[in-house]
Amino acid sequence: MRRGRPAATVVVTDRAILIVGRGRVQRLLRDFWFGKPTGLYHMVELDRTYKVHRQWYSEITLADEALRDMQARGNPPESDQR
């Protein structure tokens, strides 16, 4: 039996972080660093705290690397939707 809130899907693009779940979509700026994941679950604080299972750690690392690369090129994520 599952307790608590249902799982959400977090989508990370070059321009935004989208949180999809509970019948809604929330858009956050893409200037967030997820940090180095450790342990069985990595805690991510966005609109609330999310527990990310270790099976998704490579995606967390790739998202941070993509943000680092964009900033190194002088191309920070845009905050405006197109």
N, C-alpha and C. Protein backbone atom coordinates (compact mmCIF):
# COMPACT_ATOMS: atom_id res chain seq x y z
N MET A 1 0.84 -1.18 0.00
CA MET A 1 0.00 0.00 0.00
C MET A 1 0.88 1.24 0.00
N ARG A 2 0.57 2.16 -0.85
CA ARG A 2 1.32 3.40 -0.96
C ARG A 2 0.68 4.47 -0.10
N ARG A 3 1.51 5.18 0.63
CA ARG A 3 1.00 6.25 1.49
C ARG A 3 1.54 7.59 1.03
N GLY A 4 0.92 8.66 1.44
CA GLY A 4 1.41 9.99 1.11
C GLY A 4 0.94 10.44 -0.26
N ARG A 5 1.64 11.42 -0.78
CA ARG A 5 1.28 11.99 -2.08
C ARG A 5 1.63 11.04 -3.21
N PRO A 6 0.85 11.07 -4.27
CA PRO A 6 1.20 10.26 -5.44
C PRO A 6 2.46 10.81 -6.09
N ALA A 7 3.15 9.95 -6.80
CA ALA A 7 4.39 10.37 -7.45
C ALA A 7 4.11 11.42 -8.51
N ALA A 8 5.07 12.29 -8.69
CA ALA A 8 5.00 13.30 -9.74
C ALA A 8 6.09 13.00 -10.75
N THR A 9 5.91 13.51 -11.94
CA THR A 9 6.93 13.41 -12.97
C THR A 9 7.58 14.77 -13.10
N VAL A 10 8.90 14.78 -13.03
CA VAL A 10 9.65 16.02 -13.17
C VAL A 10 10.37 15.97 -14.51
N VAL A 11 10.12 16.98 -15.35
CA VAL A 11 10.72 17.07 -16.67
C VAL A 11 11.66 18.27 -16.67
N VAL A 12 12.91 18.04 -17.04
CA VAL A 12 13.90 19.11 -17.06
C VAL A 12 14.27 19.40 -18.50
N THR A 13 14.06 20.65 -18.92
CA THR A 13 14.44 21.08 -20.27
C THR A 13 15.53 22.13 -20.15
N ASP A 14 15.98 22.66 -21.28
CA ASP A 14 16.99 23.70 -21.24
C ASP A 14 16.41 25.04 -20.78
N ARG A 15 15.10 25.16 -20.71
CA ARG A 15 14.47 26.42 -20.33
C ARG A 15 13.68 26.37 -19.03
N ALA A 16 13.28 25.18 -18.59
CA ALA A 16 12.40 25.12 -17.43
C ALA A 16 12.45 23.74 -16.77
N ILE A 17 11.90 23.71 -15.56
CA ILE A 17 11.62 22.46 -14.87
C ILE A 17 10.11 22.37 -14.78
N LEU A 18 9.56 21.29 -15.29
CA LEU A 18 8.11 21.08 -15.25
C LEU A 18 7.80 19.97 -14.27
N ILE A 19 6.83 20.22 -13.41
CA ILE A 19 6.37 19.21 -12.46
C ILE A 19 4.96 18.84 -12.88
N VAL A 20 4.78 17.58 -13.26
CA VAL A 20 3.50 17.10 -13.76
C VAL A 20 2.94 16.09 -12.77
N GLY A 21 1.76 16.35 -12.28
CA GLY A 21 1.14 15.41 -11.35
C GLY A 21 -0.08 16.02 -10.70
N ARG A 22 -0.91 15.14 -10.20
CA ARG A 22 -2.14 15.55 -9.50
C ARG A 22 -3.01 16.46 -10.35
N GLY A 23 -3.03 16.18 -11.66
CA GLY A 23 -3.91 16.92 -12.55
C GLY A 23 -3.45 18.33 -12.88
N ARG A 24 -2.18 18.63 -12.66
CA ARG A 24 -1.70 19.98 -12.98
C ARG A 24 -0.25 19.93 -13.44
N VAL A 25 0.17 21.03 -14.04
CA VAL A 25 1.55 21.19 -14.47
C VAL A 25 2.06 22.49 -13.88
N GLN A 26 3.23 22.42 -13.27
CA GLN A 26 3.84 23.62 -12.70
C GLN A 26 5.17 23.86 -13.40
N ARG A 27 5.45 25.11 -13.75
CA ARG A 27 6.70 25.46 -14.44
C ARG A 27 7.58 26.27 -13.50
N LEU A 28 8.83 25.82 -13.35
CA LEU A 28 9.81 26.53 -12.54
C LEU A 28 10.99 26.94 -13.41
N LEU A 29 11.71 27.96 -13.00
CA LEU A 29 12.88 28.40 -13.74
C LEU A 29 13.94 27.31 -13.77
N ARG A 30 14.74 27.29 -14.82
CA ARG A 30 15.76 26.25 -14.99
C ARG A 30 17.12 26.72 -14.45
N ASP A 31 17.14 27.46 -13.37
CA ASP A 31 18.39 27.87 -12.76
C ASP A 31 18.67 27.08 -11.48
N PHE A 32 18.04 25.94 -11.35
CA PHE A 32 18.13 25.11 -10.15
C PHE A 32 19.19 24.03 -10.33
N TRP A 33 20.04 23.87 -9.32
CA TRP A 33 21.04 22.79 -9.29
C TRP A 33 20.50 21.67 -8.41
N PHE A 34 20.49 20.45 -8.95
CA PHE A 34 19.98 19.30 -8.20
C PHE A 34 20.99 18.78 -7.19
N GLY A 35 22.27 19.00 -7.44
CA GLY A 35 23.31 18.56 -6.50
C GLY A 35 23.71 17.11 -6.74
N LYS A 36 24.78 16.70 -6.07
CA LYS A 36 25.28 15.34 -6.23
C LYS A 36 24.41 14.37 -5.43
N PRO A 37 23.77 13.44 -6.13
CA PRO A 37 22.89 12.50 -5.43
C PRO A 37 23.69 11.45 -4.65
N THR A 38 23.20 11.11 -3.48
CA THR A 38 23.82 10.08 -2.64
C THR A 38 22.73 9.26 -1.96
N GLY A 39 23.10 8.08 -1.49
CA GLY A 39 22.17 7.24 -0.75
C GLY A 39 21.13 6.58 -1.65
N LEU A 40 20.15 5.99 -1.03
CA LEU A 40 19.08 5.33 -1.78
C LEU A 40 18.14 6.35 -2.42
N TYR A 41 17.88 7.45 -1.70
CA TYR A 41 17.02 8.53 -2.21
C TYR A 41 17.75 9.86 -2.06
N HIS A 42 17.64 10.69 -3.09
CA HIS A 42 18.20 12.05 -3.05
C HIS A 42 17.03 13.00 -2.86
N MET A 43 17.13 13.88 -1.89
CA MET A 43 16.06 14.84 -1.63
C MET A 43 16.26 16.08 -2.49
N VAL A 44 15.21 16.47 -3.21
CA VAL A 44 15.23 17.65 -4.06
C VAL A 44 14.12 18.58 -3.57
N GLU A 45 14.47 19.82 -3.28
CA GLU A 45 13.51 20.79 -2.77
C GLU A 45 13.12 21.74 -3.90
N LEU A 46 11.94 21.53 -4.46
CA LEU A 46 11.42 22.41 -5.51
C LEU A 46 10.22 23.15 -4.92
N ASP A 47 9.03 22.87 -5.39
CA ASP A 47 7.83 23.45 -4.78
C ASP A 47 7.51 22.73 -3.48
N ARG A 48 8.06 21.56 -3.31
CA ARG A 48 8.02 20.77 -2.08
C ARG A 48 9.21 19.82 -2.16
N THR A 49 9.38 18.97 -1.17
CA THR A 49 10.50 18.03 -1.17
C THR A 49 10.12 16.77 -1.94
N TYR A 50 10.98 16.40 -2.89
CA TYR A 50 10.80 15.18 -3.67
C TYR A 50 11.92 14.21 -3.33
N LYS A 51 11.57 12.95 -3.19
CA LYS A 51 12.56 11.90 -3.00
C LYS A 51 12.80 11.23 -4.34
N VAL A 52 14.06 11.28 -4.82
CA VAL A 52 14.41 10.72 -6.12
C VAL A 52 15.20 9.44 -5.88
N HIS A 53 14.70 8.34 -6.39
CA HIS A 53 15.34 7.04 -6.22
C HIS A 53 16.65 6.98 -7.01
N ARG A 54 17.58 6.20 -6.52
CA ARG A 54 18.90 6.12 -7.14
C ARG A 54 18.88 5.68 -8.60
N GLN A 55 17.83 5.02 -9.05
CA GLN A 55 17.77 4.62 -10.46
C GLN A 55 17.76 5.83 -11.39
N TRP A 56 17.44 7.03 -10.86
CA TRP A 56 17.37 8.24 -11.67
C TRP A 56 18.57 9.16 -11.44
N TYR A 57 19.59 8.71 -10.73
CA TYR A 57 20.75 9.55 -10.41
C TYR A 57 21.51 9.99 -11.66
N SER A 58 21.59 9.15 -12.67
CA SER A 58 22.31 9.56 -13.89
C SER A 58 21.58 10.73 -14.56
N GLU A 59 20.26 10.77 -14.51
CA GLU A 59 19.51 11.87 -15.10
C GLU A 59 19.71 13.16 -14.31
N ILE A 60 19.80 13.06 -12.99
CA ILE A 60 20.07 14.24 -12.16
C ILE A 60 21.44 14.81 -12.52
N THR A 61 22.43 13.94 -12.64
CA THR A 61 23.78 14.37 -12.98
C THR A 61 23.81 15.02 -14.36
N LEU A 62 23.12 14.42 -15.34
CA LEU A 62 23.06 14.99 -16.68
C LEU A 62 22.38 16.36 -16.70
N ALA A 63 21.35 16.53 -15.91
CA ALA A 63 20.65 17.82 -15.86
C ALA A 63 21.57 18.91 -15.33
N ASP A 64 22.33 18.61 -14.28
CA ASP A 64 23.28 19.58 -13.74
C ASP A 64 24.40 19.87 -14.73
N GLU A 65 24.89 18.85 -15.43
CA GLU A 65 25.94 19.04 -16.44
C GLU A 65 25.45 19.92 -17.59
N ALA A 66 24.21 19.73 -18.01
CA ALA A 66 23.64 20.54 -19.09
C ALA A 66 23.55 22.00 -18.67
N LEU A 67 23.13 22.26 -17.44
CA LEU A 67 23.04 23.63 -16.95
C LEU A 67 24.43 24.24 -16.86
N ARG A 68 25.40 23.48 -16.38
CA ARG A 68 26.78 23.97 -16.29
C ARG A 68 27.32 24.32 -17.68
N ASP A 69 27.06 23.46 -18.67
CA ASP A 69 27.51 23.70 -20.04
C ASP A 69 26.87 24.96 -20.63
N MET A 70 25.57 25.14 -20.41
CA MET A 70 24.88 26.33 -20.91
C MET A 70 25.47 27.59 -20.31
N GLN A 71 25.73 27.57 -19.01
CA GLN A 71 26.28 28.75 -18.35
C GLN A 71 27.71 29.01 -18.81
N ALA A 72 28.49 27.97 -19.06
CA ALA A 72 29.87 28.12 -19.52
C ALA A 72 29.90 28.76 -20.91
N ARG A 73 28.90 28.48 -21.73
CA ARG A 73 28.81 29.07 -23.07
C ARG A 73 28.24 30.49 -23.04
N GLY A 74 27.90 30.96 -21.85
CA GLY A 74 27.31 32.28 -21.74
C GLY A 74 25.87 32.31 -22.19
N ASN A 75 25.22 31.16 -22.13
CA ASN A 75 23.85 31.02 -22.58
C ASN A 75 22.98 30.53 -21.43
N PRO A 76 22.72 31.42 -20.44
CA PRO A 76 21.91 30.97 -19.30
C PRO A 76 20.49 30.65 -19.72
N PRO A 77 19.80 29.81 -18.97
CA PRO A 77 18.41 29.49 -19.31
C PRO A 77 17.54 30.74 -19.29
N GLU A 78 16.61 30.80 -20.22
CA GLU A 78 15.70 31.94 -20.29
C GLU A 78 14.53 31.73 -19.35
N SER A 79 14.07 32.81 -18.77
CA SER A 79 12.94 32.70 -17.85
C SER A 79 11.60 32.94 -18.55
N ASP A 80 11.63 33.46 -19.77
CA ASP A 80 10.37 33.73 -20.48
C ASP A 80 9.97 32.56 -21.35
N GLN A 81 8.70 32.26 -21.39
CA GLN A 81 8.20 31.23 -22.27
C GLN A 81 8.12 31.80 -23.67
N ARG A 82 8.36 30.93 -24.66
CA ARG A 82 8.24 31.38 -26.06
C ARG A 82 7.03 30.77 -26.69
